[in-house]
Amino acid sequence: LRAHIGQTLLAALLAALQGGEGLFDRQQALVRATFDSAPDGLVIVDATGQPLLWNIRFEQLWQFPPALLEQADGASMRQHIRERIRDPGAYDRANQRIAGSTASQPIDEVEGLD
């Protein structure tokens, strides 16, 4: 997996640097490649809990079906995660604690079923 992530990052970086896009497009491609190369599953949500952006590792860790990702519905995605962790109550409490917060706060670790 790490080799795949590294290859993905390298390919995106090379494409961004060699491409004829403008500076903003190159920067956006570099940010996306960096985000996708993270070893952790990352998701960025808005103030209402709707997902705006997530990385490949997030998709892999939680084994989201493609149809669910296409919907990008926060409630459905949270329910999918709840079904795959040992203590859904702790996950719910963590989500409630940060709901509406503008601070960047990580959710406590959650333990998967497998």
Protein backbone atom coordinates (compact mmCIF):
# COMPACT_ATOMS: atom_id res chain seq x y z
CA LEU A 1 0.00 0.00 0.00
CA ARG A 2 2.77 2.46 0.89
CA ALA A 3 4.43 1.82 -2.48
CA HIS A 4 1.12 2.52 -4.22
CA ILE A 5 0.67 5.76 -2.27
CA GLY A 6 4.22 6.82 -3.06
CA GLN A 7 3.73 6.09 -6.75
CA THR A 8 0.46 8.01 -6.75
CA LEU A 9 2.10 11.01 -5.12
CA LEU A 10 5.05 10.92 -7.50
CA ALA A 11 2.80 10.64 -10.56
CA ALA A 12 0.62 13.55 -9.39
CA LEU A 13 3.63 15.70 -8.59
CA LEU A 14 5.22 15.06 -11.97
CA ALA A 15 1.96 15.73 -13.79
CA ALA A 16 1.45 18.97 -11.88
CA LEU A 17 4.99 20.18 -12.48
CA GLN A 18 5.08 19.24 -16.17
CA GLY A 19 1.53 20.23 -17.02
CA GLY A 20 0.59 23.41 -18.73
CA GLU A 21 -1.86 24.38 -16.00
CA GLY A 22 -1.70 27.64 -14.16
CA LEU A 23 -0.14 28.12 -10.77
CA PHE A 24 -3.43 27.55 -8.91
CA ASP A 25 -4.05 24.26 -10.74
CA ARG A 26 -0.52 23.05 -9.96
CA GLN A 27 -0.88 24.00 -6.31
CA GLN A 28 -4.24 22.28 -6.10
CA ALA A 29 -2.78 19.12 -7.63
CA LEU A 30 0.14 19.19 -5.18
CA VAL A 31 -2.17 19.64 -2.18
CA ARG A 32 -4.41 16.80 -3.37
CA ALA A 33 -1.44 14.50 -3.97
CA THR A 34 -0.06 15.27 -0.52
CA PHE A 35 -3.47 14.70 1.09
CA ASP A 36 -3.89 11.38 -0.72
CA SER A 37 -0.41 10.22 0.27
CA ALA A 38 -1.13 10.46 4.01
CA PRO A 39 -0.97 7.07 5.74
CA ASP A 40 -4.05 7.94 7.85
CA GLY A 41 -7.63 8.14 6.71
CA LEU A 42 -8.50 11.84 6.53
CA VAL A 43 -11.82 13.58 5.96
CA ILE A 44 -12.64 17.27 5.94
CA VAL A 45 -16.21 18.20 6.82
CA ASP A 46 -18.08 21.48 6.88
CA ALA A 47 -19.77 22.96 9.97
CA THR A 48 -22.85 20.79 9.38
CA GLY A 49 -20.87 17.55 9.19
CA GLN A 50 -21.11 17.17 5.43
CA PRO A 51 -17.91 15.71 3.94
CA LEU A 52 -16.08 18.04 1.59
CA LEU A 53 -12.95 16.04 0.89
CA TRP A 54 -11.46 12.72 1.93
CA ASN A 55 -8.38 10.77 0.95
CA ILE A 56 -7.95 7.35 -0.56
CA ARG A 57 -6.86 5.83 2.76
CA PHE A 58 -10.15 6.97 4.37
CA GLU A 59 -12.06 5.10 1.66
CA GLN A 60 -9.91 1.99 2.14
CA LEU A 61 -10.00 1.92 5.94
CA TRP A 62 -13.78 2.14 6.14
CA GLN A 63 -14.48 0.09 2.99
CA PHE A 64 -17.03 2.52 1.62
CA PRO A 65 -19.13 1.25 -1.28
CA PRO A 66 -18.71 3.52 -4.33
CA ALA A 67 -22.41 4.49 -4.30
CA LEU A 68 -22.10 5.80 -0.74
CA LEU A 69 -19.06 7.89 -1.66
CA GLU A 70 -20.88 9.33 -4.66
CA GLN A 71 -23.71 10.52 -2.40
CA ALA A 72 -21.22 12.18 -0.03
CA ASP A 73 -23.95 12.27 2.63
CA GLY A 74 -22.44 12.86 6.07
CA ALA A 75 -25.13 11.02 8.02
CA SER A 76 -24.92 7.93 5.81
CA MET A 77 -21.11 7.92 5.94
CA ARG A 78 -21.12 8.24 9.75
CA GLN A 79 -23.61 5.38 10.00
CA HIS A 80 -21.37 3.25 7.79
CA ILE A 81 -18.44 3.96 10.13
CA ARG A 82 -20.55 3.29 13.26
CA GLU A 83 -21.28 -0.21 11.93
CA ARG A 84 -17.56 -0.95 11.76
CA ILE A 85 -16.28 0.13 15.17
CA ARG A 86 -16.28 -1.45 18.61
CA ASP A 87 -17.71 1.51 20.54
CA PRO A 88 -20.17 3.50 18.40
CA GLY A 89 -21.23 5.49 21.48
CA ALA A 90 -17.72 6.91 21.91
CA TYR A 91 -17.68 7.83 18.23
CA ASP A 92 -21.05 9.58 18.59
CA ARG A 93 -19.86 11.51 21.65
CA ALA A 94 -16.71 12.61 19.84
CA ASN A 95 -18.78 13.80 16.88
CA GLN A 96 -21.13 15.71 19.17
CA ARG A 97 -18.20 17.28 20.99
CA ILE A 98 -16.76 18.78 17.83
CA ALA A 99 -20.04 19.52 16.02
CA GLY A 100 -20.17 23.15 15.05
CA SER A 101 -16.65 23.80 16.29
CA THR A 102 -14.41 25.83 14.04
CA ALA A 103 -11.28 24.51 15.72
CA SER A 104 -9.35 21.74 14.05
CA GLN A 105 -9.76 18.91 16.51
CA PRO A 106 -9.11 15.26 15.76
CA ILE A 107 -11.67 12.69 16.79
CA ASP A 108 -10.34 10.25 19.36
CA GLU A 109 -9.09 6.96 18.02
CA VAL A 110 -11.80 4.46 17.18
CA GLU A 111 -11.21 0.74 17.10
CA GLY A 112 -12.48 -1.19 14.10
CA LEU A 113 -14.16 -4.56 14.32
CA ASP A 114 -11.40 -6.44 12.51
